[in-house]
Amino acid sequence: MTRVEFRQEHRLDSSDETAQQRKARLAAEASMLAVAKADIADGRYIADGDVDAWLDAWVNGEPVEIPEASAHSRKR
């Protein structure tokens, strides 16, 4: 698994974020979305239960890793 750091933001628009920080954050988010879209296009599938467990851990502030594709991933 790939270890990543996810921040939980309570506000969508932070007034203390500089224009440069916002630009960097948006670029990082766009990059992560591009990777996710490519995974989906390649048929990556993660079982609902695995996603639910990941979200529960994230909400509870536990360290999380990007889940691996399920053994029964749908491939095109």
PDB file of N, CA and C in Angstrom:
ATOM      1  N   MET A   1       0.837  -1.188   0.000  1.00  0.00           N
ATOM      2  CA  MET A   1       0.000   0.000   0.000  1.00  0.00           C
ATOM      3  C   MET A   1       0.878   1.246   0.000  1.00  0.00           C
ATOM      4  N   THR A   2       0.327   2.306  -0.482  1.00  0.00           N
ATOM      5  CA  THR A   2       1.021   3.587  -0.503  1.00  0.00           C
ATOM      6  C   THR A   2       0.558   4.417   0.681  1.00  0.00           C
ATOM      7  N   ARG A   3       1.497   4.862   1.500  1.00  0.00           N
ATOM      8  CA  ARG A   3       1.129   5.687   2.649  1.00  0.00           C
ATOM      9  C   ARG A   3       1.031   7.136   2.185  1.00  0.00           C
ATOM     10  N   VAL A   4      -0.067   7.759   2.547  1.00  0.00           N
ATOM     11  CA  VAL A   4      -0.276   9.164   2.212  1.00  0.00           C
ATOM     12  C   VAL A   4      -0.819   9.882   3.429  1.00  0.00           C
ATOM     13  N   GLU A   5      -0.638  11.164   3.461  1.00  0.00           N
ATOM     14  CA  GLU A   5      -1.140  11.997   4.547  1.00  0.00           C
ATOM     15  C   GLU A   5      -2.356  12.750   4.035  1.00  0.00           C
ATOM     16  N   PHE A   6      -3.481  12.553   4.675  1.00  0.00           N
ATOM     17  CA  PHE A   6      -4.693  13.266   4.307  1.00  0.00           C
ATOM     18  C   PHE A   6      -5.043  14.240   5.410  1.00  0.00           C
ATOM     19  N   ARG A   7      -5.336  15.453   5.048  1.00  0.00           N
ATOM     20  CA  ARG A   7      -5.757  16.457   6.027  1.00  0.00           C
ATOM     21  C   ARG A   7      -7.270  16.554   5.997  1.00  0.00           C
ATOM     22  N   GLN A   8      -7.834  16.693   7.165  1.00  0.00           N
ATOM     23  CA  GLN A   8      -9.271  16.909   7.247  1.00  0.00           C
ATOM     24  C   GLN A   8      -9.499  18.408   7.379  1.00  0.00           C
ATOM     25  N   GLU A   9     -10.143  18.982   6.417  1.00  0.00           N
ATOM     26  CA  GLU A   9     -10.431  20.415   6.429  1.00  0.00           C
ATOM     27  C   GLU A   9     -11.883  20.608   6.823  1.00  0.00           C
ATOM     28  N   HIS A  10     -12.101  21.470   7.797  1.00  0.00           N
ATOM     29  CA  HIS A  10     -13.468  21.732   8.233  1.00  0.00           C
ATOM     30  C   HIS A  10     -14.103  22.864   7.436  1.00  0.00           C
ATOM     31  N   ARG A  11     -13.277  23.678   6.787  1.00  0.00           N
ATOM     32  CA  ARG A  11     -13.793  24.762   5.963  1.00  0.00           C
ATOM     33  C   ARG A  11     -13.270  24.584   4.554  1.00  0.00           C
ATOM     34  N   LEU A  12     -14.090  24.891   3.596  1.00  0.00           N
ATOM     35  CA  LEU A  12     -13.656  24.769   2.211  1.00  0.00           C
ATOM     36  C   LEU A  12     -12.778  25.930   1.789  1.00  0.00           C
ATOM     37  N   ASP A  13     -13.031  27.093   2.326  1.00  0.00           N
ATOM     38  CA  ASP A  13     -12.284  28.282   1.937  1.00  0.00           C
ATOM     39  C   ASP A  13     -11.620  28.866   3.178  1.00  0.00           C
ATOM     40  N   SER A  14     -10.319  28.674   3.286  1.00  0.00           N
ATOM     41  CA  SER A  14      -9.588  29.147   4.455  1.00  0.00           C
ATOM     42  C   SER A  14      -9.083  30.558   4.202  1.00  0.00           C
ATOM     43  N   SER A  15      -9.442  31.470   5.081  1.00  0.00           N
ATOM     44  CA  SER A  15      -9.049  32.869   4.895  1.00  0.00           C
ATOM     45  C   SER A  15      -7.565  33.092   5.144  1.00  0.00           C
ATOM     46  N   ASP A  16      -6.897  32.165   5.842  1.00  0.00           N
ATOM     47  CA  ASP A  16      -5.470  32.340   6.101  1.00  0.00           C
ATOM     48  C   ASP A  16      -4.596  31.663   5.046  1.00  0.00           C
ATOM     49  N   GLU A  17      -5.205  31.137   3.993  1.00  0.00           N
ATOM     50  CA  GLU A  17      -4.466  30.505   2.906  1.00  0.00           C
ATOM     51  C   GLU A  17      -4.040  31.576   1.901  1.00  0.00           C
ATOM     52  N   THR A  18      -2.748  31.624   1.611  1.00  0.00           N
ATOM     53  CA  THR A  18      -2.261  32.600   0.636  1.00  0.00           C
ATOM     54  C   THR A  18      -2.617  32.134  -0.775  1.00  0.00           C
ATOM     55  N   ALA A  19      -2.515  33.041  -1.720  1.00  0.00           N
ATOM     56  CA  ALA A  19      -2.800  32.694  -3.113  1.00  0.00           C
ATOM     57  C   ALA A  19      -1.853  31.598  -3.592  1.00  0.00           C
ATOM     58  N   GLN A  20      -0.596  31.669  -3.180  1.00  0.00           N
ATOM     59  CA  GLN A  20       0.390  30.659  -3.578  1.00  0.00           C
ATOM     60  C   GLN A  20       0.054  29.299  -2.951  1.00  0.00           C
ATOM     61  N   GLN A  21      -0.348  29.298  -1.682  1.00  0.00           N
ATOM     62  CA  GLN A  21      -0.736  28.053  -1.020  1.00  0.00           C
ATOM     63  C   GLN A  21      -1.976  27.456  -1.678  1.00  0.00           C
ATOM     64  N   ARG A  22      -2.926  28.310  -2.010  1.00  0.00           N
ATOM     65  CA  ARG A  22      -4.148  27.836  -2.657  1.00  0.00           C
ATOM     66  C   ARG A  22      -3.832  27.223  -4.013  1.00  0.00           C
ATOM     67  N   LYS A  23      -2.958  27.884  -4.770  1.00  0.00           N
ATOM     68  CA  LYS A  23      -2.572  27.378  -6.084  1.00  0.00           C
ATOM     69  C   LYS A  23      -1.894  26.013  -5.949  1.00  0.00           C
ATOM     70  N   ALA A  24      -1.005  25.876  -4.966  1.00  0.00           N
ATOM     71  CA  ALA A  24      -0.314  24.604  -4.744  1.00  0.00           C
ATOM     72  C   ALA A  24      -1.295  23.519  -4.306  1.00  0.00           C
ATOM     73  N   ARG A  25      -2.229  23.866  -3.423  1.00  0.00           N
ATOM     74  CA  ARG A  25      -3.224  22.900  -2.959  1.00  0.00           C
ATOM     75  C   ARG A  25      -4.102  22.429  -4.112  1.00  0.00           C
ATOM     76  N   LEU A  26      -4.558  23.368  -4.924  1.00  0.00           N
ATOM     77  CA  LEU A  26      -5.416  23.004  -6.054  1.00  0.00           C
ATOM     78  C   LEU A  26      -4.671  22.137  -7.063  1.00  0.00           C
ATOM     79  N   ALA A  27      -3.383  22.417  -7.274  1.00  0.00           N
ATOM     80  CA  ALA A  27      -2.581  21.598  -8.189  1.00  0.00           C
ATOM     81  C   ALA A  27      -2.434  20.177  -7.643  1.00  0.00           C
ATOM     82  N   ALA A  28      -2.194  20.063  -6.329  1.00  0.00           N
ATOM     83  CA  ALA A  28      -2.067  18.740  -5.711  1.00  0.00           C
ATOM     84  C   ALA A  28      -3.389  17.979  -5.804  1.00  0.00           C
ATOM     85  N   GLU A  29      -4.492  18.665  -5.551  1.00  0.00           N
ATOM     86  CA  GLU A  29      -5.808  18.021  -5.640  1.00  0.00           C
ATOM     87  C   GLU A  29      -6.110  17.587  -7.070  1.00  0.00           C
ATOM     88  N   ALA A  30      -5.759  18.419  -8.043  1.00  0.00           N
ATOM     89  CA  ALA A  30      -5.985  18.068  -9.447  1.00  0.00           C
ATOM     90  C   ALA A  30      -5.165  16.837  -9.826  1.00  0.00           C
ATOM     91  N   SER A  31      -3.941  16.760  -9.318  1.00  0.00           N
ATOM     92  CA  SER A  31      -3.090  15.608  -9.593  1.00  0.00           C
ATOM     93  C   SER A  31      -3.685  14.332  -9.007  1.00  0.00           C
ATOM     94  N   MET A  32      -4.171  14.404  -7.767  1.00  0.00           N
ATOM     95  CA  MET A  32      -4.785  13.232  -7.135  1.00  0.00           C
ATOM     96  C   MET A  32      -6.044  12.805  -7.879  1.00  0.00           C
ATOM     97  N   LEU A  33      -6.828  13.769  -8.348  1.00  0.00           N
ATOM     98  CA  LEU A  33      -8.033  13.436  -9.114  1.00  0.00           C
ATOM     99  C   LEU A  33      -7.676  12.773 -10.438  1.00  0.00           C
ATOM    100  N   ALA A  34      -6.607  13.241 -11.084  1.00  0.00           N
ATOM    101  CA  ALA A  34      -6.179  12.649 -12.349  1.00  0.00           C
ATOM    102  C   ALA A  34      -5.766  11.192 -12.144  1.00  0.00           C
ATOM    103  N   VAL A  35      -5.052  10.915 -11.054  1.00  0.00           N
ATOM    104  CA  VAL A  35      -4.655   9.540 -10.744  1.00  0.00           C
ATOM    105  C   VAL A  35      -5.893   8.683 -10.499  1.00  0.00           C
ATOM    106  N   ALA A  36      -6.843   9.213  -9.740  1.00  0.00           N
ATOM    107  CA  ALA A  36      -8.072   8.467  -9.448  1.00  0.00           C
ATOM    108  C   ALA A  36      -8.853   8.180 -10.727  1.00  0.00           C
ATOM    109  N   LYS A  37      -8.959   9.171 -11.599  1.00  0.00           N
ATOM    110  CA  LYS A  37      -9.693   8.975 -12.854  1.00  0.00           C
ATOM    111  C   LYS A  37      -9.013   7.925 -13.724  1.00  0.00           C
ATOM    112  N   ALA A  38      -7.676   7.922 -13.746  1.00  0.00           N
ATOM    113  CA  ALA A  38      -6.942   6.918 -14.520  1.00  0.00           C
ATOM    114  C   ALA A  38      -7.173   5.526 -13.937  1.00  0.00           C
ATOM    115  N   ASP A  39      -7.176   5.419 -12.603  1.00  0.00           N
ATOM    116  CA  ASP A  39      -7.452   4.132 -11.956  1.00  0.00           C
ATOM    117  C   ASP A  39      -8.831   3.619 -12.348  1.00  0.00           C
ATOM    118  N   ILE A  40      -9.808   4.497 -12.319  1.00  0.00           N
ATOM    119  CA  ILE A  40     -11.176   4.108 -12.677  1.00  0.00           C
ATOM    120  C   ILE A  40     -11.238   3.673 -14.137  1.00  0.00           C
ATOM    121  N   ALA A  41     -10.597   4.441 -15.006  1.00  0.00           N
ATOM    122  CA  ALA A  41     -10.593   4.108 -16.430  1.00  0.00           C
ATOM    123  C   ALA A  41      -9.924   2.759 -16.688  1.00  0.00           C
ATOM    124  N   ASP A  42      -8.931   2.402 -15.853  1.00  0.00           N
ATOM    125  CA  ASP A  42      -8.240   1.118 -15.998  1.00  0.00           C
ATOM    126  C   ASP A  42      -8.991  -0.029 -15.332  1.00  0.00           C
ATOM    127  N   GLY A  43     -10.161   0.273 -14.740  1.00  0.00           N
ATOM    128  CA  GLY A  43     -10.974  -0.772 -14.148  1.00  0.00           C
ATOM    129  C   GLY A  43     -10.698  -1.058 -12.687  1.00  0.00           C
ATOM    130  N   ARG A  44      -9.982  -0.173 -12.001  1.00  0.00           N
ATOM    131  CA  ARG A  44      -9.703  -0.397 -10.579  1.00  0.00           C
ATOM    132  C   ARG A  44     -11.021  -0.408  -9.812  1.00  0.00           C
ATOM    133  N   TYR A  45     -11.131  -1.362  -8.917  1.00  0.00           N
ATOM    134  CA  TYR A  45     -12.345  -1.506  -8.121  1.00  0.00           C
ATOM    135  C   TYR A  45     -11.939  -1.799  -6.686  1.00  0.00           C
ATOM    136  N   ILE A  46     -12.523  -1.078  -5.749  1.00  0.00           N
ATOM    137  CA  ILE A  46     -12.288  -1.326  -4.330  1.00  0.00           C
ATOM    138  C   ILE A  46     -13.643  -1.645  -3.713  1.00  0.00           C
ATOM    139  N   ALA A  47     -13.722  -2.764  -3.030  1.00  0.00           N
ATOM    140  CA  ALA A  47     -14.986  -3.230  -2.458  1.00  0.00           C
ATOM    141  C   ALA A  47     -15.566  -2.196  -1.499  1.00  0.00           C
ATOM    142  N   ASP A  48     -16.903  -2.111  -1.480  1.00  0.00           N
ATOM    143  CA  ASP A  48     -17.598  -1.137  -0.630  1.00  0.00           C
ATOM    144  C   ASP A  48     -17.160  -1.215   0.825  1.00  0.00           C
ATOM    145  N   GLY A  49     -17.045  -2.424   1.356  1.00  0.00           N
ATOM    146  CA  GLY A  49     -16.651  -2.590   2.755  1.00  0.00           C
ATOM    147  C   GLY A  49     -15.276  -2.019   3.041  1.00  0.00           C
ATOM    148  N   ASP A  50     -14.354  -2.172   2.076  1.00  0.00           N
ATOM    149  CA  ASP A  50     -13.009  -1.616   2.234  1.00  0.00           C
ATOM    150  C   ASP A  50     -13.048  -0.094   2.225  1.00  0.00           C
ATOM    151  N   VAL A  51     -13.881   0.467   1.370  1.00  0.00           N
ATOM    152  CA  VAL A  51     -14.025   1.925   1.316  1.00  0.00           C
ATOM    153  C   VAL A  51     -14.636   2.438   2.615  1.00  0.00           C
ATOM    154  N   ASP A  52     -15.674   1.768   3.103  1.00  0.00           N
ATOM    155  CA  ASP A  52     -16.314   2.183   4.357  1.00  0.00           C
ATOM    156  C   ASP A  52     -15.329   2.146   5.523  1.00  0.00           C
ATOM    157  N   ALA A  53     -14.525   1.076   5.605  1.00  0.00           N
ATOM    158  CA  ALA A  53     -13.541   0.959   6.687  1.00  0.00           C
ATOM    159  C   ALA A  53     -12.506   2.071   6.591  1.00  0.00           C
ATOM    160  N   TRP A  54     -12.072   2.388   5.365  1.00  0.00           N
ATOM    161  CA  TRP A  54     -11.094   3.457   5.161  1.00  0.00           C
ATOM    162  C   TRP A  54     -11.678   4.794   5.609  1.00  0.00           C
ATOM    163  N   LEU A  55     -12.911   5.069   5.203  1.00  0.00           N
ATOM    164  CA  LEU A  55     -13.543   6.335   5.583  1.00  0.00           C
ATOM    165  C   LEU A  55     -13.745   6.437   7.091  1.00  0.00           C
ATOM    166  N   ASP A  56     -14.142   5.340   7.729  1.00  0.00           N
ATOM    167  CA  ASP A  56     -14.306   5.344   9.185  1.00  0.00           C
ATOM    168  C   ASP A  56     -12.985   5.663   9.875  1.00  0.00           C
ATOM    169  N   ALA A  57     -11.901   5.049   9.416  1.00  0.00           N
ATOM    170  CA  ALA A  57     -10.587   5.312  10.007  1.00  0.00           C
ATOM    171  C   ALA A  57     -10.193   6.771   9.806  1.00  0.00           C
ATOM    172  N   TRP A  58     -10.417   7.290   8.610  1.00  0.00           N
ATOM    173  CA  TRP A  58     -10.053   8.677   8.308  1.00  0.00           C
ATOM    174  C   TRP A  58     -10.839   9.646   9.184  1.00  0.00           C
ATOM    175  N   VAL A  59     -12.140   9.417   9.314  1.00  0.00           N
ATOM    176  CA  VAL A  59     -12.990  10.285  10.134  1.00  0.00           C
ATOM    177  C   VAL A  59     -12.535  10.263  11.591  1.00  0.00           C
ATOM    178  N   ASN A  60     -12.061   9.111  12.060  1.00  0.00           N
ATOM    179  CA  ASN A  60     -11.604   8.985  13.441  1.00  0.00           C
ATOM    180  C   ASN A  60     -10.181   9.497  13.646  1.00  0.00           C
ATOM    181  N   GLY A  61      -9.577  10.041  12.593  1.00  0.00           N
ATOM    182  CA  GLY A  61      -8.237  10.610  12.703  1.00  0.00           C
ATOM    183  C   GLY A  61      -7.125   9.583  12.708  1.00  0.00           C
ATOM    184  N   GLU A  62      -7.436   8.351  12.327  1.00  0.00           N
ATOM    185  CA  GLU A  62      -6.419   7.306  12.277  1.00  0.00           C
ATOM    186  C   GLU A  62      -5.587   7.463  11.008  1.00  0.00           C
ATOM    187  N   PRO A  63      -4.310   7.025  11.036  1.00  0.00           N
ATOM    188  CA  PRO A  63      -3.505   7.070   9.810  1.00  0.00           C
ATOM    189  C   PRO A  63      -4.123   6.145   8.763  1.00  0.00           C
ATOM    190  N   VAL A  64      -4.176   6.591   7.552  1.00  0.00           N
ATOM    191  CA  VAL A  64      -4.779   5.785   6.488  1.00  0.00           C
ATOM    192  C   VAL A  64      -3.807   5.628   5.336  1.00  0.00           C
ATOM    193  N   GLU A  65      -3.981   4.546   4.604  1.00  0.00           N
ATOM    194  CA  GLU A  65      -3.206   4.280   3.401  1.00  0.00           C
ATOM    195  C   GLU A  65      -4.177   4.161   2.239  1.00  0.00           C
ATOM    196  N   ILE A  66      -3.691   4.406   1.054  1.00  0.00           N
ATOM    197  CA  ILE A  66      -4.530   4.220  -0.128  1.00  0.00           C
ATOM    198  C   ILE A  66      -4.808   2.729  -0.248  1.00  0.00           C
ATOM    199  N   PRO A  67      -6.083   2.333  -0.258  1.00  0.00           N
ATOM    200  CA  PRO A  67      -6.385   0.896  -0.320  1.00  0.00           C
ATOM    201  C   PRO A  67      -5.994   0.294  -1.663  1.00  0.00           C
ATOM    202  N   GLU A  68      -5.571  -0.950  -1.596  1.00  0.00           N
ATOM    203  CA  GLU A  68      -5.243  -1.678  -2.820  1.00  0.00           C
ATOM    204  C   GLU A  68      -6.540  -2.101  -3.498  1.00  0.00           C
ATOM    205  N   ALA A  69      -6.468  -2.315  -4.783  1.00  0.00           N
ATOM    206  CA  ALA A  69      -7.636  -2.794  -5.514  1.00  0.00           C
ATOM    207  C   ALA A  69      -8.031  -4.160  -4.975  1.00  0.00           C
ATOM    208  N   SER A  70      -9.306  -4.426  -4.950  1.00  0.00           N
ATOM    209  CA  SER A  70      -9.812  -5.704  -4.460  1.00  0.00           C
ATOM    210  C   SER A  70      -9.312  -6.840  -5.343  1.00  0.00           C
ATOM    211  N   ALA A  71      -9.197  -8.017  -4.743  1.00  0.00           N
ATOM    212  CA  ALA A  71      -8.725  -9.182  -5.494  1.00  0.00           C
ATOM    213  C   ALA A  71      -9.653  -9.484  -6.666  1.00  0.00           C
ATOM    214  N   HIS A  72     -10.918  -9.115  -6.510  1.00  0.00           N
ATOM    215  CA  HIS A  72     -11.889  -9.378  -7.573  1.00  0.00           C
ATOM    216  C   HIS A  72     -12.162  -8.112  -8.392  1.00  0.00           C
ATOM    217  N   SER A  73     -11.114  -7.307  -8.575  1.00  0.00           N
ATOM    218  CA  SER A  73     -11.274  -6.075  -9.351  1.00  0.00           C
ATOM    219  C   SER A  73     -11.764  -6.387 -10.752  1.00  0.00           C
ATOM    220  N   ARG A  74     -12.644  -5.539 -11.213  1.00  0.00           N
ATOM    221  CA  ARG A  74     -13.138  -5.673 -12.578  1.00  0.00           C
ATOM    222  C   ARG A  74     -12.089  -5.104 -13.526  1.00  0.00           C
ATOM    223  N   LYS A  75     -11.697  -5.862 -14.488  1.00  0.00           N
ATOM    224  CA  LYS A  75     -10.734  -5.390 -15.483  1.00  0.00           C
ATOM    225  C   LYS A  75     -11.422  -5.340 -16.835  1.00  0.00           C
ATOM    226  N   ARG A  76     -11.089  -4.329 -17.606  1.00  0.00           N
ATOM    227  CA  ARG A  76     -11.692  -4.202 -18.936  1.00  0.00           C
ATOM    228  C   ARG A  76     -10.849  -4.904 -19.952  1.00  0.00           C
TER     229      ARG A  76
END
